[in-house]
PDB file of N, CA and C in Angstrom:
ATOM      1  N   MET A   1     -17.890  23.298  45.016  1.00  0.00           N
ATOM      2  CA  MET A   1     -17.702  22.276  44.441  1.00  0.00           C
ATOM      3  C   MET A   1     -16.494  22.355  43.988  1.00  0.00           C
ATOM      4  N   LYS A   2     -16.565  23.016  43.286  1.00  0.00           N
ATOM      5  CA  LYS A   2     -14.983  23.560  42.130  1.00  0.00           C
ATOM      6  C   LYS A   2     -13.551  23.180  43.193  1.00  0.00           C
ATOM      7  N   ALA A   3     -13.625  24.093  44.518  1.00  0.00           N
ATOM      8  CA  ALA A   3     -12.848  23.877  45.270  1.00  0.00           C
ATOM      9  C   ALA A   3     -12.355  22.571  45.953  1.00  0.00           C
ATOM     10  N   THR A   4     -13.346  21.577  45.737  1.00  0.00           N
ATOM     11  CA  THR A   4     -13.261  20.341  46.486  1.00  0.00           C
ATOM     12  C   THR A   4     -12.559  19.475  45.595  1.00  0.00           C
ATOM     13  N   LEU A   5     -12.903  20.059  43.905  1.00  0.00           N
ATOM     14  CA  LEU A   5     -12.561  18.668  43.180  1.00  0.00           C
ATOM     15  C   LEU A   5     -10.614  19.318  42.735  1.00  0.00           C
ATOM     16  N   VAL A   6     -10.693  20.243  43.050  1.00  0.00           N
ATOM     17  CA  VAL A   6      -9.434  20.612  42.911  1.00  0.00           C
ATOM     18  C   VAL A   6      -8.303  20.734  44.257  1.00  0.00           C
ATOM     19  N   ALA A   7      -8.927  20.112  45.484  1.00  0.00           N
ATOM     20  CA  ALA A   7      -8.237  19.792  46.794  1.00  0.00           C
ATOM     21  C   ALA A   7      -8.411  18.280  46.122  1.00  0.00           C
ATOM     22  N   ILE A   8      -8.888  17.648  45.835  1.00  0.00           N
ATOM     23  CA  ILE A   8      -9.015  16.147  45.705  1.00  0.00           C
ATOM     24  C   ILE A   8      -8.203  15.723  44.297  1.00  0.00           C
ATOM     25  N   CYS A   9      -8.017  16.476  42.974  1.00  0.00           N
ATOM     26  CA  CYS A   9      -7.055  16.206  42.403  1.00  0.00           C
ATOM     27  C   CYS A   9      -5.906  16.828  42.842  1.00  0.00           C
ATOM     28  N   PHE A  10      -5.401  17.837  43.948  1.00  0.00           N
ATOM     29  CA  PHE A  10      -3.972  18.045  44.309  1.00  0.00           C
ATOM     30  C   PHE A  10      -3.386  16.643  45.395  1.00  0.00           C
ATOM     31  N   LEU A  11      -4.930  16.340  46.483  1.00  0.00           N
ATOM     32  CA  LEU A  11      -3.936  15.182  47.293  1.00  0.00           C
ATOM     33  C   LEU A  11      -3.847  14.055  46.178  1.00  0.00           C
ATOM     34  N   ALA A  12      -4.371  13.884  45.139  1.00  0.00           N
ATOM     35  CA  ALA A  12      -3.839  12.627  44.182  1.00  0.00           C
ATOM     36  C   ALA A  12      -2.589  12.786  43.204  1.00  0.00           C
ATOM     37  N   ALA A  13      -2.363  13.837  43.479  1.00  0.00           N
ATOM     38  CA  ALA A  13      -0.920  14.471  42.688  1.00  0.00           C
ATOM     39  C   ALA A  13       0.137  13.789  43.385  1.00  0.00           C
ATOM     40  N   VAL A  14      -0.230  14.418  45.045  1.00  0.00           N
ATOM     41  CA  VAL A  14       0.708  14.231  45.825  1.00  0.00           C
ATOM     42  C   VAL A  14       1.097  12.426  46.237  1.00  0.00           C
ATOM     43  N   ALA A  15      -0.147  11.585  46.389  1.00  0.00           N
ATOM     44  CA  ALA A  15       0.236  10.662  46.418  1.00  0.00           C
ATOM     45  C   ALA A  15       0.607   9.719  45.346  1.00  0.00           C
ATOM     46  N   TYR A  16       0.408  10.095  44.478  1.00  0.00           N
ATOM     47  CA  TYR A  16       1.108   9.600  43.063  1.00  0.00           C
ATOM     48  C   TYR A  16       2.233   9.815  43.266  1.00  0.00           C
ATOM     49  N   SER A  17       2.988  11.208  43.170  1.00  0.00           N
ATOM     50  CA  SER A  17       4.547  11.360  43.367  1.00  0.00           C
ATOM     51  C   SER A  17       5.096  10.709  44.219  1.00  0.00           C
ATOM     52  N   MET A  18       4.755  10.760  45.772  1.00  0.00           N
ATOM     53  CA  MET A  18       5.033  10.001  46.767  1.00  0.00           C
ATOM     54  C   MET A  18       5.393   8.658  46.368  1.00  0.00           C
ATOM     55  N   GLY A  19       4.700   8.066  45.581  1.00  0.00           N
ATOM     56  CA  GLY A  19       4.889   6.277  45.420  1.00  0.00           C
ATOM     57  C   GLY A  19       5.849   5.945  44.957  1.00  0.00           C
ATOM     58  N   ARG A  20       6.519   7.029  44.030  1.00  0.00           N
ATOM     59  CA  ARG A  20       7.618   6.429  43.018  1.00  0.00           C
ATOM     60  C   ARG A  20       8.875   7.020  43.629  1.00  0.00           C
ATOM     61  N   LEU A  21      10.197   6.352  43.338  1.00  0.00           N
ATOM     62  CA  LEU A  21      11.516   6.494  43.169  1.00  0.00           C
ATOM     63  C   LEU A  21      11.852   7.688  42.972  1.00  0.00           C
ATOM     64  N   SER A  22      12.722   8.061  43.531  1.00  0.00           N
ATOM     65  CA  SER A  22      12.926   9.567  42.963  1.00  0.00           C
ATOM     66  C   SER A  22      14.028   9.166  41.968  1.00  0.00           C
ATOM     67  N   GLU A  23      14.286  10.306  40.943  1.00  0.00           N
ATOM     68  CA  GLU A  23      14.955   9.913  39.752  1.00  0.00           C
ATOM     69  C   GLU A  23      16.651   9.329  40.522  1.00  0.00           C
ATOM     70  N   GLU A  24      17.096  10.061  41.230  1.00  0.00           N
ATOM     71  CA  GLU A  24      18.473   9.744  41.881  1.00  0.00           C
ATOM     72  C   GLU A  24      18.429   8.083  42.210  1.00  0.00           C
ATOM     73  N   GLN A  25      17.456   7.672  43.137  1.00  0.00           N
ATOM     74  CA  GLN A  25      17.386   6.113  43.267  1.00  0.00           C
ATOM     75  C   GLN A  25      17.232   5.473  41.931  1.00  0.00           C
ATOM     76  N   CYS A  26      16.450   5.936  41.051  1.00  0.00           N
ATOM     77  CA  CYS A  26      16.488   4.964  39.545  1.00  0.00           C
ATOM     78  C   CYS A  26      18.035   4.880  38.621  1.00  0.00           C
ATOM     79  N   ARG A  27      18.594   6.222  38.959  1.00  0.00           N
ATOM     80  CA  ARG A  27      19.505   6.043  37.805  1.00  0.00           C
ATOM     81  C   ARG A  27      20.937   5.665  38.611  1.00  0.00           C
ATOM     82  N   ARG A  28      21.110   5.119  39.992  1.00  0.00           N
ATOM     83  CA  ARG A  28      21.787   4.422  41.230  1.00  0.00           C
ATOM     84  C   ARG A  28      22.289   3.075  39.602  1.00  0.00           C
ATOM     85  N   PRO A  29      23.429   2.847  39.921  1.00  0.00           N
ATOM     86  CA  PRO A  29      24.212   2.015  39.286  1.00  0.00           C
ATOM     87  C   PRO A  29      23.850   0.631  39.479  1.00  0.00           C
ATOM     88  N   VAL A  30      23.484  -0.227  38.789  1.00  0.00           N
ATOM     89  CA  VAL A  30      22.510  -1.769  39.282  1.00  0.00           C
ATOM     90  C   VAL A  30      24.182  -2.314  39.760  1.00  0.00           C
ATOM     91  N   PRO A  31      24.234  -3.025  40.447  1.00  0.00           N
ATOM     92  CA  PRO A  31      25.426  -3.565  41.354  1.00  0.00           C
ATOM     93  C   PRO A  31      25.531  -4.917  40.685  1.00  0.00           C
ATOM     94  N   SER A  32      27.103  -5.019  40.318  1.00  0.00           N
ATOM     95  CA  SER A  32      27.073  -6.564  39.710  1.00  0.00           C
ATOM     96  C   SER A  32      27.314  -7.314  41.084  1.00  0.00           C
ATOM     97  N   THR A  33      26.612  -8.609  40.689  1.00  0.00           N
ATOM     98  CA  THR A  33      26.561  -9.568  41.757  1.00  0.00           C
ATOM     99  C   THR A  33      27.435 -10.935  41.459  1.00  0.00           C
ATOM    100  N   SER A  34      27.396 -11.629  41.676  1.00  0.00           N
ATOM    101  CA  SER A  34      28.141 -12.857  41.842  1.00  0.00           C
ATOM    102  C   SER A  34      27.617 -14.052  42.794  1.00  0.00           C
ATOM    103  N   CYS A  35      27.070 -14.882  41.950  1.00  0.00           N
ATOM    104  CA  CYS A  35      26.151 -15.733  42.683  1.00  0.00           C
ATOM    105  C   CYS A  35      25.905 -17.322  42.184  1.00  0.00           C
ATOM    106  N   ALA A  36      26.211 -18.345  42.777  1.00  0.00           N
ATOM    107  CA  ALA A  36      26.152 -19.811  41.968  1.00  0.00           C
ATOM    108  C   ALA A  36      25.007 -19.959  41.718  1.00  0.00           C
ATOM    109  N   ASN A  37      24.085 -20.112  42.817  1.00  0.00           N
ATOM    110  CA  ASN A  37      22.392 -20.299  42.288  1.00  0.00           C
ATOM    111  C   ASN A  37      21.666 -19.102  42.991  1.00  0.00           C
ATOM    112  N   GLY A  38      20.425 -19.365  42.873  1.00  0.00           N
ATOM    113  CA  GLY A  38      19.486 -18.601  43.085  1.00  0.00           C
ATOM    114  C   GLY A  38      19.417 -17.270  41.668  1.00  0.00           C
ATOM    115  N   LEU A  39      19.959 -17.417  40.743  1.00  0.00           N
ATOM    116  CA  LEU A  39      19.065 -16.393  39.479  1.00  0.00           C
ATOM    117  C   LEU A  39      17.890 -15.980  39.388  1.00  0.00           C
ATOM    118  N   ARG A  40      17.420 -14.849  39.127  1.00  0.00           N
ATOM    119  CA  ARG A  40      16.006 -14.589  39.312  1.00  0.00           C
ATOM    120  C   ARG A  40      16.371 -13.482  38.387  1.00  0.00           C
ATOM    121  N   THR A  41      15.182 -13.450  37.189  1.00  0.00           N
ATOM    122  CA  THR A  41      15.041 -12.231  36.606  1.00  0.00           C
ATOM    123  C   THR A  41      14.374 -11.403  37.004  1.00  0.00           C
ATOM    124  N   ILE A  42      15.028  -9.974  36.836  1.00  0.00           N
ATOM    125  CA  ILE A  42      14.449  -8.693  37.501  1.00  0.00           C
ATOM    126  C   ILE A  42      14.659  -7.582  35.858  1.00  0.00           C
ATOM    127  N   TYR A  43      13.963  -6.986  36.592  1.00  0.00           N
ATOM    128  CA  TYR A  43      14.052  -5.292  35.925  1.00  0.00           C
ATOM    129  C   TYR A  43      14.217  -3.810  36.720  1.00  0.00           C
ATOM    130  N   TYR A  44      15.110  -3.388  35.843  1.00  0.00           N
ATOM    131  CA  TYR A  44      16.275  -2.417  36.300  1.00  0.00           C
ATOM    132  C   TYR A  44      15.730  -1.425  35.294  1.00  0.00           C
ATOM    133  N   PHE A  45      16.161  -0.064  36.104  1.00  0.00           N
ATOM    134  CA  PHE A  45      16.386   1.509  34.952  1.00  0.00           C
ATOM    135  C   PHE A  45      17.621   1.586  34.606  1.00  0.00           C
ATOM    136  N   SER A  46      17.711   1.851  33.141  1.00  0.00           N
ATOM    137  CA  SER A  46      19.040   1.621  32.670  1.00  0.00           C
ATOM    138  C   SER A  46      19.341   2.947  32.279  1.00  0.00           C
ATOM    139  N   ASN A  47      20.151   3.883  32.642  1.00  0.00           N
ATOM    140  CA  ASN A  47      20.912   5.118  32.045  1.00  0.00           C
ATOM    141  C   ASN A  47      21.426   5.367  30.437  1.00  0.00           C
ATOM    142  N   HIS A  48      21.797   3.813  30.416  1.00  0.00           N
ATOM    143  CA  HIS A  48      22.090   3.902  28.623  1.00  0.00           C
ATOM    144  C   HIS A  48      20.948   3.899  27.766  1.00  0.00           C
ATOM    145  N   THR A  49      19.867   3.199  28.724  1.00  0.00           N
ATOM    146  CA  THR A  49      18.825   3.354  27.480  1.00  0.00           C
ATOM    147  C   THR A  49      17.565   4.029  27.591  1.00  0.00           C
ATOM    148  N   ASN A  50      17.647   4.518  28.815  1.00  0.00           N
ATOM    149  CA  ASN A  50      16.867   5.468  29.385  1.00  0.00           C
ATOM    150  C   ASN A  50      15.670   4.545  29.458  1.00  0.00           C
ATOM    151  N   LYS A  51      15.381   3.375  29.496  1.00  0.00           N
ATOM    152  CA  LYS A  51      14.463   2.458  29.839  1.00  0.00           C
ATOM    153  C   LYS A  51      14.329   1.195  30.844  1.00  0.00           C
ATOM    154  N   CYS A  52      13.302   0.824  31.428  1.00  0.00           N
ATOM    155  CA  CYS A  52      13.646  -0.868  32.274  1.00  0.00           C
ATOM    156  C   CYS A  52      14.543  -1.405  31.159  1.00  0.00           C
ATOM    157  N   GLU A  53      15.200  -2.480  31.740  1.00  0.00           N
ATOM    158  CA  GLU A  53      15.654  -3.522  30.816  1.00  0.00           C
ATOM    159  C   GLU A  53      15.602  -4.875  31.987  1.00  0.00           C
ATOM    160  N   LYS A  54      15.532  -5.637  31.298  1.00  0.00           N
ATOM    161  CA  LYS A  54      15.477  -7.284  32.071  1.00  0.00           C
ATOM    162  C   LYS A  54      17.238  -7.450  32.265  1.00  0.00           C
ATOM    163  N   MET A  55      17.419  -8.314  33.175  1.00  0.00           N
ATOM    164  CA  MET A  55      18.718  -8.892  33.505  1.00  0.00           C
ATOM    165  C   MET A  55      18.553 -10.075  34.660  1.00  0.00           C
ATOM    166  N   GLN A  56      19.351 -11.010  34.684  1.00  0.00           N
ATOM    167  CA  GLN A  56      19.511 -12.264  35.428  1.00  0.00           C
ATOM    168  C   GLN A  56      20.278 -11.614  36.459  1.00  0.00           C
ATOM    169  N   SER A  57      19.893 -12.097  38.046  1.00  0.00           N
ATOM    170  CA  SER A  57      20.755 -11.200  39.301  1.00  0.00           C
ATOM    171  C   SER A  57      20.128 -12.272  40.120  1.00  0.00           C
ATOM    172  N   CYS A  58      20.909 -12.172  41.396  1.00  0.00           N
ATOM    173  CA  CYS A  58      20.643 -12.234  42.754  1.00  0.00           C
ATOM    174  C   CYS A  58      20.350 -11.334  43.905  1.00  0.00           C
ATOM    175  N   GLY A  59      21.144 -10.486  43.494  1.00  0.00           N
ATOM    176  CA  GLY A  59      21.001  -9.283  44.378  1.00  0.00           C
ATOM    177  C   GLY A  59      19.502  -8.647  44.573  1.00  0.00           C
ATOM    178  N   VAL A  60      19.579  -7.681  45.673  1.00  0.00           N
ATOM    179  CA  VAL A  60      18.261  -6.847  45.709  1.00  0.00           C
ATOM    180  C   VAL A  60      19.071  -5.478  45.941  1.00  0.00           C
ATOM    181  N   GLY A  61      18.034  -4.652  45.401  1.00  0.00           N
ATOM    182  CA  GLY A  61      18.526  -3.220  45.454  1.00  0.00           C
ATOM    183  C   GLY A  61      17.473  -2.254  45.297  1.00  0.00           C
ATOM    184  N   VAL A  62      17.225  -1.101  45.301  1.00  0.00           N
ATOM    185  CA  VAL A  62      16.558  -0.188  45.364  1.00  0.00           C
ATOM    186  C   VAL A  62      15.809  -0.248  43.967  1.00  0.00           C
ATOM    187  N   ASN A  63      16.632  -0.318  42.740  1.00  0.00           N
ATOM    188  CA  ASN A  63      16.343  -0.191  41.755  1.00  0.00           C
ATOM    189  C   ASN A  63      16.103  -1.917  40.895  1.00  0.00           C
ATOM    190  N   HIS A  64      15.741  -2.502  41.469  1.00  0.00           N
ATOM    191  CA  HIS A  64      15.633  -3.741  40.997  1.00  0.00           C
ATOM    192  C   HIS A  64      13.889  -4.392  41.489  1.00  0.00           C
ATOM    193  N   PHE A  65      13.145  -4.767  40.390  1.00  0.00           N
ATOM    194  CA  PHE A  65      11.587  -4.929  40.557  1.00  0.00           C
ATOM    195  C   PHE A  65      11.932  -6.016  39.801  1.00  0.00           C
ATOM    196  N   GLU A  66      10.573  -6.977  39.862  1.00  0.00           N
ATOM    197  CA  GLU A  66      10.271  -8.491  40.110  1.00  0.00           C
ATOM    198  C   GLU A  66       9.350  -8.529  38.576  1.00  0.00           C
ATOM    199  N   LYS A  67       8.576  -7.417  38.018  1.00  0.00           N
ATOM    200  CA  LYS A  67       7.932  -6.814  36.906  1.00  0.00           C
ATOM    201  C   LYS A  67       8.729  -5.778  35.925  1.00  0.00           C
ATOM    202  N   GLU A  68       8.299  -5.511  34.870  1.00  0.00           N
ATOM    203  CA  GLU A  68       8.503  -4.741  34.249  1.00  0.00           C
ATOM    204  C   GLU A  68       7.800  -3.679  34.193  1.00  0.00           C
ATOM    205  N   GLU A  69       6.613  -3.600  34.402  1.00  0.00           N
ATOM    206  CA  GLU A  69       5.179  -2.754  34.712  1.00  0.00           C
ATOM    207  C   GLU A  69       5.482  -2.024  36.076  1.00  0.00           C
ATOM    208  N   CYS A  70       6.292  -2.425  36.819  1.00  0.00           N
ATOM    209  CA  CYS A  70       6.326  -2.277  38.222  1.00  0.00           C
ATOM    210  C   CYS A  70       7.911  -1.286  38.183  1.00  0.00           C
ATOM    211  N   CYS A  71       8.381  -1.435  37.192  1.00  0.00           N
ATOM    212  CA  CYS A  71      10.010  -0.603  37.047  1.00  0.00           C
ATOM    213  C   CYS A  71       9.012   0.550  36.295  1.00  0.00           C
ATOM    214  N   GLU A  72       8.469   0.667  35.143  1.00  0.00           N
ATOM    215  CA  GLU A  72       8.734   1.531  34.605  1.00  0.00           C
ATOM    216  C   GLU A  72       7.394   2.365  35.303  1.00  0.00           C
ATOM    217  N   SER A  73       6.394   2.069  36.176  1.00  0.00           N
ATOM    218  CA  SER A  73       5.643   2.820  37.330  1.00  0.00           C
ATOM    219  C   SER A  73       6.670   3.760  38.327  1.00  0.00           C
ATOM    220  N   GLU A  74       7.269   3.028  38.593  1.00  0.00           N
ATOM    221  CA  GLU A  74       8.404   3.348  39.722  1.00  0.00           C
ATOM    222  C   GLU A  74       9.351   4.333  39.444  1.00  0.00           C
ATOM    223  N   CYS A  75       9.905   4.228  38.162  1.00  0.00           N
ATOM    224  CA  CYS A  75      11.028   5.037  37.424  1.00  0.00           C
ATOM    225  C   CYS A  75      10.550   5.298  36.303  1.00  0.00           C
ATOM    226  N   PRO A  76       9.435   6.216  35.760  1.00  0.00           N
ATOM    227  CA  PRO A  76       9.323   7.362  34.585  1.00  0.00           C
ATOM    228  C   PRO A  76      10.135   7.946  33.804  1.00  0.00           C
ATOM    229  N   TYR A  77      11.411   7.858  34.341  1.00  0.00           N
ATOM    230  CA  TYR A  77      12.387   8.997  33.967  1.00  0.00           C
ATOM    231  C   TYR A  77      12.923   8.659  32.840  1.00  0.00           C
ATOM    232  N   GLY A  78      13.348   9.728  32.342  1.00  0.00           N
ATOM    233  CA  GLY A  78      14.021   9.208  30.966  1.00  0.00           C
ATOM    234  C   GLY A  78      13.163   9.721  29.237  1.00  0.00           C
ATOM    235  N   LYS A  79      12.042   9.835  29.882  1.00  0.00           N
ATOM    236  CA  LYS A  79      10.936   9.703  28.463  1.00  0.00           C
ATOM    237  C   LYS A  79      11.266  11.474  28.077  1.00  0.00           C
ATOM    238  N   GLY A  80      11.321  10.854  26.496  1.00  0.00           N
ATOM    239  CA  GLY A  80      11.850  12.520  26.005  1.00  0.00           C
ATOM    240  C   GLY A  80      13.263  12.883  26.434  1.00  0.00           C
ATOM    241  N   SER A  81      14.173  12.098  26.922  1.00  0.00           N
ATOM    242  CA  SER A  81      15.529  12.419  27.411  1.00  0.00           C
ATOM    243  C   SER A  81      16.154  11.559  26.175  1.00  0.00           C
ATOM    244  N   LYS A  82      17.335  12.092  25.767  1.00  0.00           N
ATOM    245  CA  LYS A  82      18.371  11.346  25.251  1.00  0.00           C
ATOM    246  C   LYS A  82      18.972  10.219  26.204  1.00  0.00           C
ATOM    247  N   PRO A  83      18.853   9.065  24.964  1.00  0.00           N
ATOM    248  CA  PRO A  83      20.056   7.799  26.042  1.00  0.00           C
ATOM    249  C   PRO A  83      21.183   8.261  26.104  1.00  0.00           C
ATOM    250  N   GLY A  84      21.288   7.505  27.615  1.00  0.00           N
ATOM    251  CA  GLY A  84      22.856   7.993  28.082  1.00  0.00           C
ATOM    252  C   GLY A  84      22.884   8.961  28.980  1.00  0.00           C
ATOM    253  N   ARG A  85      22.276  10.257  29.056  1.00  0.00           N
ATOM    254  CA  ARG A  85      22.437  11.270  29.145  1.00  0.00           C
ATOM    255  C   ARG A  85      21.385  11.545  30.772  1.00  0.00           C
ATOM    256  N   MET A  86      21.781  12.289  32.058  1.00  0.00           N
ATOM    257  CA  MET A  86      21.506  12.305  33.482  1.00  0.00           C
ATOM    258  C   MET A  86      21.198  13.438  33.207  1.00  0.00           C
ATOM    259  N   SER A  87      20.004  13.572  33.718  1.00  0.00           N
ATOM    260  CA  SER A  87      19.517  15.053  34.140  1.00  0.00           C
ATOM    261  C   SER A  87      20.485  16.029  34.598  1.00  0.00           C
ATOM    262  N   ARG A  88      20.474  17.080  35.012  1.00  0.00           N
ATOM    263  CA  ARG A  88      21.090  18.176  35.601  1.00  0.00           C
ATOM    264  C   ARG A  88      21.620  18.023  37.067  1.00  0.00           C
ATOM    265  N   ARG A  89      20.686  17.420  37.366  1.00  0.00           N
ATOM    266  CA  ARG A  89      20.711  17.299  39.003  1.00  0.00           C
ATOM    267  C   ARG A  89      22.072  16.324  39.149  1.00  0.00           C
ATOM    268  N   LYS A  90      22.780  16.825  40.421  1.00  0.00           N
ATOM    269  CA  LYS A  90      23.774  16.154  41.411  1.00  0.00           C
ATOM    270  C   LYS A  90      23.494  14.979  41.954  1.00  0.00           C
ATOM    271  N   PHE A  91      24.003  14.063  41.608  1.00  0.00           N
ATOM    272  CA  PHE A  91      23.975  12.777  41.949  1.00  0.00           C
ATOM    273  C   PHE A  91      25.152  12.614  43.256  1.00  0.00           C
TER     274      PHE A  91
END
Protein backbone atom coordinates (compact mmCIF):
# COMPACT_ATOMS: atom_id res chain seq x y z
CA MET A 1 0.00 0.00 0.00
CA LYS A 2 2.77 2.43 0.93
CA ALA A 3 4.71 1.64 -2.26
CA THR A 4 1.58 2.26 -4.34
CA LEU A 5 1.06 5.65 -2.70
CA VAL A 6 4.71 6.60 -3.32
CA ALA A 7 4.41 5.54 -6.97
CA ILE A 8 1.22 7.58 -7.45
CA CYS A 9 2.83 10.67 -5.87
CA PHE A 10 5.90 10.27 -8.07
CA LEU A 11 3.83 9.95 -11.25
CA ALA A 12 1.72 12.97 -10.28
CA ALA A 13 4.88 15.06 -9.71
CA VAL A 14 6.31 14.01 -13.08
CA ALA A 15 3.05 14.83 -14.89
CA TYR A 16 2.83 18.21 -13.14
CA SER A 17 6.39 19.21 -14.01
CA MET A 18 6.02 18.12 -17.65
CA GLY A 19 2.99 20.38 -18.10
CA ARG A 20 4.83 23.60 -17.26
CA LEU A 21 7.07 25.60 -19.53
CA SER A 22 10.77 25.52 -18.76
CA GLU A 23 12.27 28.53 -17.00
CA GLU A 24 14.16 29.29 -20.22
CA GLN A 25 10.90 29.49 -22.18
CA CYS A 26 9.26 31.72 -19.57
CA ARG A 27 12.21 34.10 -19.44
CA ARG A 28 12.48 34.62 -23.19
CA PRO A 29 12.00 38.26 -24.18
CA VAL A 30 8.52 39.16 -25.32
CA PRO A 31 8.85 40.34 -28.92
CA SER A 32 7.43 43.74 -29.72
CA THR A 33 4.91 43.68 -32.52
CA SER A 34 3.56 46.35 -34.78
CA CYS A 35 -0.05 45.83 -35.75
CA ALA A 36 -2.84 48.13 -36.81
CA ASN A 37 -5.76 45.94 -35.77
CA GLY A 38 -6.35 42.87 -33.71
CA LEU A 39 -4.82 43.95 -30.42
CA ARG A 40 -5.79 41.71 -27.55
CA THR A 41 -4.88 41.47 -23.89
CA ILE A 42 -2.29 38.82 -23.11
CA TYR A 43 -0.25 37.89 -20.05
CA TYR A 44 3.48 37.13 -20.09
CA PHE A 45 6.19 36.34 -17.54
CA SER A 46 8.32 39.46 -16.98
CA ASN A 47 12.01 39.18 -16.10
CA HIS A 48 11.87 42.67 -14.59
CA THR A 49 9.17 41.95 -12.02
CA ASN A 50 9.54 38.14 -11.81
CA LYS A 51 5.79 37.72 -12.21
CA CYS A 52 3.11 37.59 -14.90
CA GLU A 53 2.20 40.96 -16.38
CA LYS A 54 -0.57 42.17 -18.70
CA MET A 55 -0.03 43.85 -22.07
CA GLN A 56 -1.73 44.50 -25.41
CA SER A 57 -0.35 42.48 -28.32
CA CYS A 58 -1.31 40.90 -31.61
CA GLY A 59 1.67 38.54 -31.61
CA VAL A 60 1.82 34.90 -30.63
CA GLY A 61 4.58 33.27 -28.65
CA VAL A 62 5.49 30.66 -26.08
CA ASN A 63 5.40 33.28 -23.32
CA HIS A 64 1.92 34.61 -24.27
CA PHE A 65 -1.15 33.51 -22.31
CA GLU A 66 -4.82 34.42 -22.61
CA LYS A 67 -5.40 34.31 -18.84
CA GLU A 68 -3.26 35.40 -15.91
CA GLU A 69 -3.93 32.09 -14.15
CA CYS A 70 -2.48 30.18 -17.11
CA CYS A 71 0.66 32.32 -17.06
CA GLU A 72 1.09 31.78 -13.32
CA SER A 73 0.65 28.02 -13.55
CA GLU A 74 2.94 27.64 -16.59
CA CYS A 75 5.63 30.03 -15.30
CA PRO A 76 5.90 29.71 -11.51
CA TYR A 77 9.48 31.01 -11.59
CA GLY A 78 10.72 34.05 -9.75
CA LYS A 79 9.08 33.31 -6.42
CA GLY A 80 11.72 33.99 -3.82
CA SER A 81 14.04 35.53 -6.42
CA LYS A 82 15.06 39.14 -6.61
CA PRO A 83 13.28 41.08 -9.39
CA GLY A 84 15.29 41.56 -12.56
CA ARG A 85 17.75 38.78 -11.79
CA MET A 86 17.93 35.57 -13.73
CA SER A 87 18.88 32.20 -12.34
CA ARG A 88 22.40 30.87 -12.84
CA ARG A 89 21.26 28.74 -15.76
CA LYS A 90 22.83 29.72 -19.06
CA PHE A 91 20.22 30.69 -21.65
